PDB file of all heavy atoms in Angstrom:
ATOM      1  N   HIS A   1       6.005 -74.713  35.003  1.00  0.00           N
ATOM      2  CA  HIS A   1       4.982 -75.292  35.876  1.00  0.00           C
ATOM      3  C   HIS A   1       4.952 -76.810  35.732  1.00  0.00           C
ATOM      4  O   HIS A   1       4.770 -77.528  36.686  1.00  0.00           O
ATOM      5  CB  HIS A   1       3.621 -74.696  35.509  1.00  0.00           C
ATOM      6  CG  HIS A   1       2.497 -75.224  36.375  1.00  0.00           C
ATOM      7  ND1 HIS A   1       1.698 -76.287  36.035  1.00  0.00           N
ATOM      8  CD2 HIS A   1       2.076 -74.834  37.613  1.00  0.00           C
ATOM      9  CE1 HIS A   1       0.861 -76.523  36.983  1.00  0.00           C
ATOM     10  NE2 HIS A   1       1.052 -75.631  37.947  1.00  0.00           N
ATOM     11  N   SER A   2       5.161 -77.308  34.461  1.00  0.00           N
ATOM     12  CA  SER A   2       5.049 -78.763  34.209  1.00  0.00           C
ATOM     13  C   SER A   2       6.263 -79.542  34.694  1.00  0.00           C
ATOM     14  O   SER A   2       6.149 -80.565  35.312  1.00  0.00           O
ATOM     15  CB  SER A   2       4.844 -79.005  32.695  1.00  0.00           C
ATOM     16  OG  SER A   2       4.919 -80.414  32.397  1.00  0.00           O
ATOM     17  N   LYS A   3       7.436 -78.990  34.432  1.00  0.00           N
ATOM     18  CA  LYS A   3       8.706 -79.743  34.703  1.00  0.00           C
ATOM     19  C   LYS A   3       9.169 -79.541  36.137  1.00  0.00           C
ATOM     20  O   LYS A   3       9.618 -80.482  36.781  1.00  0.00           O
ATOM     21  CB  LYS A   3       9.779 -79.316  33.715  1.00  0.00           C
ATOM     22  CG  LYS A   3       9.495 -79.675  32.272  1.00  0.00           C
ATOM     23  CD  LYS A   3       9.572 -81.163  32.040  1.00  0.00           C
ATOM     24  CE  LYS A   3       9.452 -81.524  30.592  1.00  0.00           C
ATOM     25  NZ  LYS A   3       9.524 -82.978  30.318  1.00  0.00           N
ATOM     26  N   GLY A   4       9.173 -78.324  36.569  1.00  0.00           N
ATOM     27  CA  GLY A   4       9.613 -78.029  37.944  1.00  0.00           C
ATOM     28  C   GLY A   4      11.076 -77.993  38.214  1.00  0.00           C
ATOM     29  O   GLY A   4      11.497 -77.659  39.297  1.00  0.00           O
ATOM     30  N   ASN A   5      11.913 -78.379  37.213  1.00  0.00           N
ATOM     31  CA  ASN A   5      13.345 -78.420  37.441  1.00  0.00           C
ATOM     32  C   ASN A   5      14.109 -77.644  36.367  1.00  0.00           C
ATOM     33  O   ASN A   5      15.288 -77.917  36.142  1.00  0.00           O
ATOM     34  CB  ASN A   5      13.855 -79.857  37.446  1.00  0.00           C
ATOM     35  CG  ASN A   5      13.660 -80.570  36.101  1.00  0.00           C
ATOM     36  OD1 ASN A   5      12.933 -80.075  35.238  1.00  0.00           O
ATOM     37  ND2 ASN A   5      14.328 -81.699  35.940  1.00  0.00           N
ATOM     38  N   ILE A   6      13.489 -76.668  35.729  1.00  0.00           N
ATOM     39  CA  ILE A   6      14.124 -75.892  34.670  1.00  0.00           C
ATOM     40  C   ILE A   6      14.970 -74.784  35.262  1.00  0.00           C
ATOM     41  O   ILE A   6      14.453 -73.927  35.984  1.00  0.00           O
ATOM     42  CB  ILE A   6      13.059 -75.266  33.700  1.00  0.00           C
ATOM     43  CG1 ILE A   6      12.251 -76.383  33.036  1.00  0.00           C
ATOM     44  CG2 ILE A   6      13.738 -74.388  32.668  1.00  0.00           C
ATOM     45  CD1 ILE A   6      13.062 -77.321  32.164  1.00  0.00           C
ATOM     46  N   SER A   7      16.249 -74.852  35.037  1.00  0.00           N
ATOM     47  CA  SER A   7      17.162 -73.869  35.568  1.00  0.00           C
ATOM     48  C   SER A   7      17.752 -72.950  34.466  1.00  0.00           C
ATOM     49  O   SER A   7      18.323 -71.922  34.761  1.00  0.00           O
ATOM     50  CB  SER A   7      18.333 -74.512  36.308  1.00  0.00           C
ATOM     51  OG  SER A   7      19.114 -75.338  35.434  1.00  0.00           O
ATOM     52  N   VAL A   8      17.623 -73.378  33.202  1.00  0.00           N
ATOM     53  CA  VAL A   8      18.240 -72.680  32.100  1.00  0.00           C
ATOM     54  C   VAL A   8      17.256 -72.441  30.988  1.00  0.00           C
ATOM     55  O   VAL A   8      16.524 -73.371  30.571  1.00  0.00           O
ATOM     56  CB  VAL A   8      19.474 -73.447  31.524  1.00  0.00           C
ATOM     57  CG1 VAL A   8      20.108 -72.698  30.365  1.00  0.00           C
ATOM     58  CG2 VAL A   8      20.481 -73.735  32.613  1.00  0.00           C
ATOM     59  N   VAL A   9      17.220 -71.239  30.430  1.00  0.00           N
ATOM     60  CA  VAL A   9      16.445 -70.903  29.228  1.00  0.00           C
ATOM     61  C   VAL A   9      17.427 -70.464  28.148  1.00  0.00           C
ATOM     62  O   VAL A   9      18.296 -69.595  28.389  1.00  0.00           O
ATOM     63  CB  VAL A   9      15.474 -69.746  29.520  1.00  0.00           C
ATOM     64  CG1 VAL A   9      14.753 -69.335  28.195  1.00  0.00           C
ATOM     65  CG2 VAL A   9      14.436 -70.192  30.553  1.00  0.00           C
ATOM     66  N   GLY A  10      17.309 -71.116  27.011  1.00  0.00           N
ATOM     67  CA  GLY A  10      18.273 -70.801  25.898  1.00  0.00           C
ATOM     68  C   GLY A  10      17.533 -70.459  24.613  1.00  0.00           C
ATOM     69  O   GLY A  10      16.401 -70.892  24.394  1.00  0.00           O
ATOM     70  N   ILE A  11      18.206 -69.681  23.785  1.00  0.00           N
ATOM     71  CA  ILE A  11      17.743 -69.399  22.410  1.00  0.00           C
ATOM     72  C   ILE A  11      18.820 -69.870  21.478  1.00  0.00           C
ATOM     73  O   ILE A  11      19.940 -69.372  21.522  1.00  0.00           O
ATOM     74  CB  ILE A  11      17.415 -67.908  22.229  1.00  0.00           C
ATOM     75  CG1 ILE A  11      16.321 -67.451  23.158  1.00  0.00           C
ATOM     76  CG2 ILE A  11      16.955 -67.649  20.760  1.00  0.00           C
ATOM     77  CD1 ILE A  11      15.988 -65.989  23.112  1.00  0.00           C
ATOM     78  N   ALA A  12      18.459 -70.888  20.642  1.00  0.00           N
ATOM     79  CA  ALA A  12      19.480 -71.479  19.808  1.00  0.00           C
ATOM     80  C   ALA A  12      18.937 -71.793  18.382  1.00  0.00           C
ATOM     81  O   ALA A  12      19.358 -72.748  17.753  1.00  0.00           O
ATOM     82  CB  ALA A  12      20.015 -72.778  20.453  1.00  0.00           C
ATOM     83  N   GLY A  13      18.038 -70.967  17.927  1.00  0.00           N
ATOM     84  CA  GLY A  13      17.546 -71.176  16.557  1.00  0.00           C
ATOM     85  C   GLY A  13      16.037 -71.402  16.475  1.00  0.00           C
ATOM     86  O   GLY A  13      15.302 -70.871  17.289  1.00  0.00           O
ATOM     87  N   PRO A  14      15.682 -72.203  15.456  1.00  0.00           N
ATOM     88  CA  PRO A  14      16.454 -73.166  14.655  1.00  0.00           C
ATOM     89  C   PRO A  14      17.372 -72.519  13.610  1.00  0.00           C
ATOM     90  O   PRO A  14      18.167 -73.206  12.985  1.00  0.00           O
ATOM     91  CB  PRO A  14      15.397 -74.007  13.994  1.00  0.00           C
ATOM     92  CG  PRO A  14      14.206 -73.099  13.879  1.00  0.00           C
ATOM     93  CD  PRO A  14      14.228 -72.276  15.133  1.00  0.00           C
ATOM     94  N   GLY A  15      17.227 -71.192  13.406  1.00  0.00           N
ATOM     95  CA  GLY A  15      18.188 -70.469  12.556  1.00  0.00           C
ATOM     96  C   GLY A  15      19.254 -69.899  13.437  1.00  0.00           C
ATOM     97  O   GLY A  15      19.856 -70.593  14.233  1.00  0.00           O
ATOM     98  N   ASP A  16      19.545 -68.625  13.281  1.00  0.00           N
ATOM     99  CA  ASP A  16      20.527 -67.965  14.142  1.00  0.00           C
ATOM    100  C   ASP A  16      19.838 -66.837  14.905  1.00  0.00           C
ATOM    101  O   ASP A  16      19.113 -66.038  14.303  1.00  0.00           O
ATOM    102  CB  ASP A  16      21.710 -67.438  13.387  1.00  0.00           C
ATOM    103  CG  ASP A  16      22.789 -66.907  14.316  1.00  0.00           C
ATOM    104  OD1 ASP A  16      23.609 -67.718  14.765  1.00  0.00           O
ATOM    105  OD2 ASP A  16      22.801 -65.666  14.633  1.00  0.00           O
ATOM    106  N   PRO A  17      20.025 -66.753  16.229  1.00  0.00           N
ATOM    107  CA  PRO A  17      19.351 -65.720  17.013  1.00  0.00           C
ATOM    108  C   PRO A  17      19.552 -64.291  16.511  1.00  0.00           C
ATOM    109  O   PRO A  17      18.647 -63.458  16.629  1.00  0.00           O
ATOM    110  CB  PRO A  17      19.928 -65.898  18.428  1.00  0.00           C
ATOM    111  CG  PRO A  17      20.289 -67.367  18.496  1.00  0.00           C
ATOM    112  CD  PRO A  17      20.802 -67.692  17.072  1.00  0.00           C
ATOM    113  N   PHE A  18      20.709 -64.041  15.913  1.00  0.00           N
ATOM    114  CA  PHE A  18      20.988 -62.646  15.517  1.00  0.00           C
ATOM    115  C   PHE A  18      20.749 -62.423  13.985  1.00  0.00           C
ATOM    116  O   PHE A  18      21.022 -61.319  13.490  1.00  0.00           O
ATOM    117  CB  PHE A  18      22.395 -62.236  15.953  1.00  0.00           C
ATOM    118  CG  PHE A  18      22.504 -62.291  17.452  1.00  0.00           C
ATOM    119  CD1 PHE A  18      23.211 -63.311  18.050  1.00  0.00           C
ATOM    120  CD2 PHE A  18      21.820 -61.408  18.237  1.00  0.00           C
ATOM    121  CE1 PHE A  18      23.264 -63.410  19.424  1.00  0.00           C
ATOM    122  CE2 PHE A  18      21.851 -61.510  19.638  1.00  0.00           C
ATOM    123  CZ  PHE A  18      22.604 -62.507  20.210  1.00  0.00           C
ATOM    124  N   ALA A  19      20.212 -63.428  13.341  1.00  0.00           N
ATOM    125  CA  ALA A  19      19.569 -63.230  12.026  1.00  0.00           C
ATOM    126  C   ALA A  19      18.121 -62.898  12.256  1.00  0.00           C
ATOM    127  O   ALA A  19      17.381 -62.596  11.340  1.00  0.00           O
ATOM    128  CB  ALA A  19      19.712 -64.467  11.167  1.00  0.00           C
ATOM    129  N   ASN A  20      17.699 -63.006  13.525  1.00  0.00           N
ATOM    130  CA  ASN A  20      16.330 -62.689  13.985  1.00  0.00           C
ATOM    131  C   ASN A  20      16.446 -61.875  15.240  1.00  0.00           C
ATOM    132  O   ASN A  20      15.808 -62.137  16.258  1.00  0.00           O
ATOM    133  CB  ASN A  20      15.559 -63.977  14.275  1.00  0.00           C
ATOM    134  CG  ASN A  20      15.579 -65.006  13.166  1.00  0.00           C
ATOM    135  OD1 ASN A  20      14.643 -65.146  12.399  1.00  0.00           O
ATOM    136  ND2 ASN A  20      16.644 -65.783  13.075  1.00  0.00           N
ATOM    137  N   ALA A  21      17.258 -60.808  15.183  1.00  0.00           N
ATOM    138  CA  ALA A  21      17.660 -60.111  16.392  1.00  0.00           C
ATOM    139  C   ALA A  21      16.476 -59.497  17.156  1.00  0.00           C
ATOM    140  O   ALA A  21      16.464 -59.537  18.402  1.00  0.00           O
ATOM    141  CB  ALA A  21      18.704 -59.040  16.042  1.00  0.00           C
ATOM    142  N   ASP A  22      15.512 -58.920  16.423  1.00  0.00           N
ATOM    143  CA  ASP A  22      14.385 -58.289  17.102  1.00  0.00           C
ATOM    144  C   ASP A  22      13.606 -59.286  17.996  1.00  0.00           C
ATOM    145  O   ASP A  22      13.247 -59.033  19.120  1.00  0.00           O
ATOM    146  CB  ASP A  22      13.440 -57.620  16.099  1.00  0.00           C
ATOM    147  CG  ASP A  22      14.065 -56.392  15.461  1.00  0.00           C
ATOM    148  OD1 ASP A  22      15.052 -55.920  15.969  1.00  0.00           O
ATOM    149  OD2 ASP A  22      13.526 -55.945  14.446  1.00  0.00           O
ATOM    150  N   LYS A  23      13.362 -60.460  17.375  1.00  0.00           N
ATOM    151  CA  LYS A  23      12.609 -61.495  18.104  1.00  0.00           C
ATOM    152  C   LYS A  23      13.455 -62.027  19.273  1.00  0.00           C
ATOM    153  O   LYS A  23      12.911 -62.293  20.355  1.00  0.00           O
ATOM    154  CB  LYS A  23      12.230 -62.640  17.181  1.00  0.00           C
ATOM    155  CG  LYS A  23      11.187 -62.258  16.132  1.00  0.00           C
ATOM    156  CD  LYS A  23      10.769 -63.435  15.307  1.00  0.00           C
ATOM    157  CE  LYS A  23       9.695 -63.069  14.294  1.00  0.00           C
ATOM    158  NZ  LYS A  23       9.209 -64.223  13.505  1.00  0.00           N
ATOM    159  N   THR A  24      14.745 -62.165  19.060  1.00  0.00           N
ATOM    160  CA  THR A  24      15.627 -62.680  20.110  1.00  0.00           C
ATOM    161  C   THR A  24      15.696 -61.723  21.307  1.00  0.00           C
ATOM    162  O   THR A  24      15.482 -62.162  22.445  1.00  0.00           O
ATOM    163  CB  THR A  24      17.036 -62.951  19.542  1.00  0.00           C
ATOM    164  OG1 THR A  24      16.968 -63.933  18.532  1.00  0.00           O
ATOM    165  CG2 THR A  24      17.996 -63.375  20.637  1.00  0.00           C
ATOM    166  N   ILE A  25      15.922 -60.470  21.042  1.00  0.00           N
ATOM    167  CA  ILE A  25      16.087 -59.525  22.126  1.00  0.00           C
ATOM    168  C   ILE A  25      14.760 -59.298  22.821  1.00  0.00           C
ATOM    169  O   ILE A  25      14.671 -59.214  24.030  1.00  0.00           O
ATOM    170  CB  ILE A  25      16.628 -58.157  21.568  1.00  0.00           C
ATOM    171  CG1 ILE A  25      18.056 -58.361  21.005  1.00  0.00           C
ATOM    172  CG2 ILE A  25      16.641 -57.127  22.707  1.00  0.00           C
ATOM    173  CD1 ILE A  25      19.035 -58.892  21.975  1.00  0.00           C
ATOM    174  N   THR A  26      13.623 -59.314  22.065  1.00  0.00           N
ATOM    175  CA  THR A  26      12.308 -59.156  22.685  1.00  0.00           C
ATOM    176  C   THR A  26      12.012 -60.311  23.624  1.00  0.00           C
ATOM    177  O   THR A  26      11.535 -60.177  24.732  1.00  0.00           O
ATOM    178  CB  THR A  26      11.234 -59.079  21.595  1.00  0.00           C
ATOM    179  OG1 THR A  26      11.450 -57.939  20.789  1.00  0.00           O
ATOM    180  CG2 THR A  26       9.830 -59.016  22.236  1.00  0.00           C
ATOM    181  N   THR A  27      12.369 -61.560  23.166  1.00  0.00           N
ATOM    182  CA  THR A  27      12.176 -62.741  24.001  1.00  0.00           C
ATOM    183  C   THR A  27      12.994 -62.669  25.239  1.00  0.00           C
ATOM    184  O   THR A  27      12.551 -62.983  26.368  1.00  0.00           O
ATOM    185  CB  THR A  27      12.505 -64.012  23.221  1.00  0.00           C
ATOM    186  OG1 THR A  27      11.729 -64.038  22.003  1.00  0.00           O
ATOM    187  CG2 THR A  27      12.216 -65.261  24.030  1.00  0.00           C
ATOM    188  N   ILE A  28      14.276 -62.301  25.109  1.00  0.00           N
ATOM    189  CA  ILE A  28      15.151 -62.145  26.236  1.00  0.00           C
ATOM    190  C   ILE A  28      14.603 -61.165  27.265  1.00  0.00           C
ATOM    191  O   ILE A  28      14.600 -61.414  28.500  1.00  0.00           O
ATOM    192  CB  ILE A  28      16.577 -61.734  25.795  1.00  0.00           C
ATOM    193  CG1 ILE A  28      17.262 -62.915  25.099  1.00  0.00           C
ATOM    194  CG2 ILE A  28      17.431 -61.272  26.994  1.00  0.00           C
ATOM    195  CD1 ILE A  28      18.567 -62.498  24.430  1.00  0.00           C
ATOM    196  N   ASP A  29      14.088 -60.032  26.760  1.00  0.00           N
ATOM    197  CA  ASP A  29      13.516 -58.987  27.618  1.00  0.00           C
ATOM    198  C   ASP A  29      12.310 -59.506  28.391  1.00  0.00           C
ATOM    199  O   ASP A  29      12.219 -59.338  29.625  1.00  0.00           O
ATOM    200  CB  ASP A  29      13.098 -57.796  26.777  1.00  0.00           C
ATOM    201  CG  ASP A  29      12.529 -56.656  27.600  1.00  0.00           C
ATOM    202  OD1 ASP A  29      13.277 -56.062  28.334  1.00  0.00           O
ATOM    203  OD2 ASP A  29      11.290 -56.453  27.504  1.00  0.00           O
ATOM    204  N   LEU A  30      11.449 -60.235  27.737  1.00  0.00           N
ATOM    205  CA  LEU A  30      10.245 -60.793  28.385  1.00  0.00           C
ATOM    206  C   LEU A  30      10.623 -61.807  29.449  1.00  0.00           C
ATOM    207  O   LEU A  30      10.055 -61.825  30.580  1.00  0.00           O
ATOM    208  CB  LEU A  30       9.336 -61.454  27.331  1.00  0.00           C
ATOM    209  CG  LEU A  30       8.642 -60.488  26.344  1.00  0.00           C
ATOM    210  CD1 LEU A  30       7.969 -61.301  25.243  1.00  0.00           C
ATOM    211  CD2 LEU A  30       7.653 -59.594  27.054  1.00  0.00           C
ATOM    212  N   VAL A  31      11.564 -62.698  29.100  1.00  0.00           N
ATOM    213  CA  VAL A  31      11.979 -63.727  30.052  1.00  0.00           C
ATOM    214  C   VAL A  31      12.673 -63.159  31.253  1.00  0.00           C
ATOM    215  O   VAL A  31      12.384 -63.534  32.427  1.00  0.00           O
ATOM    216  CB  VAL A  31      12.910 -64.773  29.341  1.00  0.00           C
ATOM    217  CG1 VAL A  31      13.456 -65.776  30.349  1.00  0.00           C
ATOM    218  CG2 VAL A  31      12.124 -65.522  28.248  1.00  0.00           C
ATOM    219  N   ARG A  32      13.594 -62.206  30.998  1.00  0.00           N
ATOM    220  CA  ARG A  32      14.349 -61.645  32.120  1.00  0.00           C
ATOM    221  C   ARG A  32      13.449 -60.882  33.104  1.00  0.00           C
ATOM    222  O   ARG A  32      13.608 -60.923  34.331  1.00  0.00           O
ATOM    223  CB  ARG A  32      15.439 -60.730  31.599  1.00  0.00           C
ATOM    224  CG  ARG A  32      16.344 -60.128  32.667  1.00  0.00           C
ATOM    225  CD  ARG A  32      16.913 -61.167  33.606  1.00  0.00           C
ATOM    226  NE  ARG A  32      18.078 -61.857  33.044  1.00  0.00           N
ATOM    227  CZ  ARG A  32      18.422 -63.115  33.361  1.00  0.00           C
ATOM    228  NH1 ARG A  32      17.647 -63.808  34.162  1.00  0.00           N
ATOM    229  NH2 ARG A  32      19.464 -63.657  32.857  1.00  0.00           N
ATOM    230  N   LYS A  33      12.410 -60.176  32.575  1.00  0.00           N
ATOM    231  CA  LYS A  33      11.495 -59.432  33.435  1.00  0.00           C
ATOM    232  C   LYS A  33      10.644 -60.371  34.299  1.00  0.00           C
ATOM    233  O   LYS A  33      10.440 -60.083  35.472  1.00  0.00           O
ATOM    234  CB  LYS A  33      10.572 -58.534  32.569  1.00  0.00           C
ATOM    235  CG  LYS A  33      11.293 -57.320  32.017  1.00  0.00           C
ATOM    236  CD  LYS A  33      10.364 -56.512  31.122  1.00  0.00           C
ATOM    237  CE  LYS A  33      11.069 -55.280  30.603  1.00  0.00           C
ATOM    238  NZ  LYS A  33      10.204 -54.514  29.659  1.00  0.00           N
ATOM    239  N   LYS A  34      10.210 -61.480  33.768  1.00  0.00           N
ATOM    240  CA  LYS A  34       9.385 -62.406  34.508  1.00  0.00           C
ATOM    241  C   LYS A  34      10.142 -63.397  35.366  1.00  0.00           C
ATOM    242  O   LYS A  34       9.683 -63.827  36.446  1.00  0.00           O
ATOM    243  CB  LYS A  34       8.423 -63.140  33.562  1.00  0.00           C
ATOM    244  CG  LYS A  34       7.391 -63.981  34.353  1.00  0.00           C
ATOM    245  CD  LYS A  34       6.181 -64.315  33.495  1.00  0.00           C
ATOM    246  CE  LYS A  34       5.096 -64.924  34.342  1.00  0.00           C
ATOM    247  NZ  LYS A  34       3.889 -65.263  33.529  1.00  0.00           N
ATOM    248  N   TYR A  35      11.370 -63.731  34.872  1.00  0.00           N
ATOM    249  CA  TYR A  35      12.187 -64.729  35.598  1.00  0.00           C
ATOM    250  C   TYR A  35      13.582 -64.098  35.801  1.00  0.00           C
ATOM    251  O   TYR A  35      14.556 -64.511  35.166  1.00  0.00           O
ATOM    252  CB  TYR A  35      12.320 -66.043  34.786  1.00  0.00           C
ATOM    253  CG  TYR A  35      11.000 -66.752  34.615  1.00  0.00           C
ATOM    254  CD1 TYR A  35      10.200 -66.527  33.462  1.00  0.00           C
ATOM    255  CD2 TYR A  35      10.536 -67.648  35.556  1.00  0.00           C
ATOM    256  CE1 TYR A  35       9.003 -67.219  33.299  1.00  0.00           C
ATOM    257  CE2 TYR A  35       9.324 -68.329  35.382  1.00  0.00           C
ATOM    258  CZ  TYR A  35       8.573 -68.085  34.280  1.00  0.00           C
ATOM    259  OH  TYR A  35       7.357 -68.747  34.078  1.00  0.00           O
ATOM    260  N   PRO A  36      13.686 -63.150  36.691  1.00  0.00           N
ATOM    261  CA  PRO A  36      14.935 -62.399  36.882  1.00  0.00           C
ATOM    262  C   PRO A  36      16.121 -63.243  37.339  1.00  0.00           C
ATOM    263  O   PRO A  36      17.266 -62.869  37.075  1.00  0.00           O
ATOM    264  CB  PRO A  36      14.576 -61.340  37.930  1.00  0.00           C
ATOM    265  CG  PRO A  36      13.396 -61.889  38.625  1.00  0.00           C
ATOM    266  CD  PRO A  36      12.644 -62.677  37.623  1.00  0.00           C
ATOM    267  N   ASP A  37      15.867 -64.385  37.940  1.00  0.00           N
ATOM    268  CA  ASP A  37      16.934 -65.189  38.487  1.00  0.00           C
ATOM    269  C   ASP A  37      17.297 -66.407  37.633  1.00  0.00           C
ATOM    270  O   ASP A  37      18.224 -67.160  37.975  1.00  0.00           O
ATOM    271  CB  ASP A  37      16.597 -65.665  39.881  1.00  0.00           C
ATOM    272  CG  ASP A  37      16.433 -64.505  40.884  1.00  0.00           C
ATOM    273  OD1 ASP A  37      17.128 -63.524  40.695  1.00  0.00           O
ATOM    274  OD2 ASP A  37      15.558 -64.620  41.753  1.00  0.00           O
ATOM    275  N   ILE A  38      16.586 -66.593  36.532  1.00  0.00           N
ATOM    276  CA  ILE A  38      16.863 -67.801  35.745  1.00  0.00           C
ATOM    277  C   ILE A  38      18.128 -67.632  34.919  1.00  0.00           C
ATOM    278  O   ILE A  38      18.516 -66.488  34.538  1.00  0.00           O
ATOM    279  CB  ILE A  38      15.650 -68.131  34.823  1.00  0.00           C
ATOM    280  CG1 ILE A  38      15.611 -69.615  34.480  1.00  0.00           C
ATOM    281  CG2 ILE A  38      15.659 -67.275  33.542  1.00  0.00           C
ATOM    282  CD1 ILE A  38      14.242 -70.101  34.013  1.00  0.00           C
ATOM    283  N   ILE A  39      18.810 -68.732  34.650  1.00  0.00           N
ATOM    284  CA  ILE A  39      19.983 -68.690  33.806  1.00  0.00           C
ATOM    285  C   ILE A  39      19.533 -68.529  32.371  1.00  0.00           C
ATOM    286  O   ILE A  39      18.701 -69.345  31.914  1.00  0.00           O
ATOM    287  CB  ILE A  39      20.845 -69.990  33.990  1.00  0.00           C
ATOM    288  CG1 ILE A  39      21.284 -70.120  35.455  1.00  0.00           C
ATOM    289  CG2 ILE A  39      22.004 -69.978  33.033  1.00  0.00           C
ATOM    290  CD1 ILE A  39      21.979 -71.433  35.732  1.00  0.00           C
TER     291      ILE A  39
END
């Protein structure tokens, strides 16, 4: 809402996404459901 030009959502830490796999996959699930077309 603030930026208006966000085309990409990334997960890059600050540790490793798959050392925190539950949180990473849960976040991906939430983002994909609400923003199905975002990169």
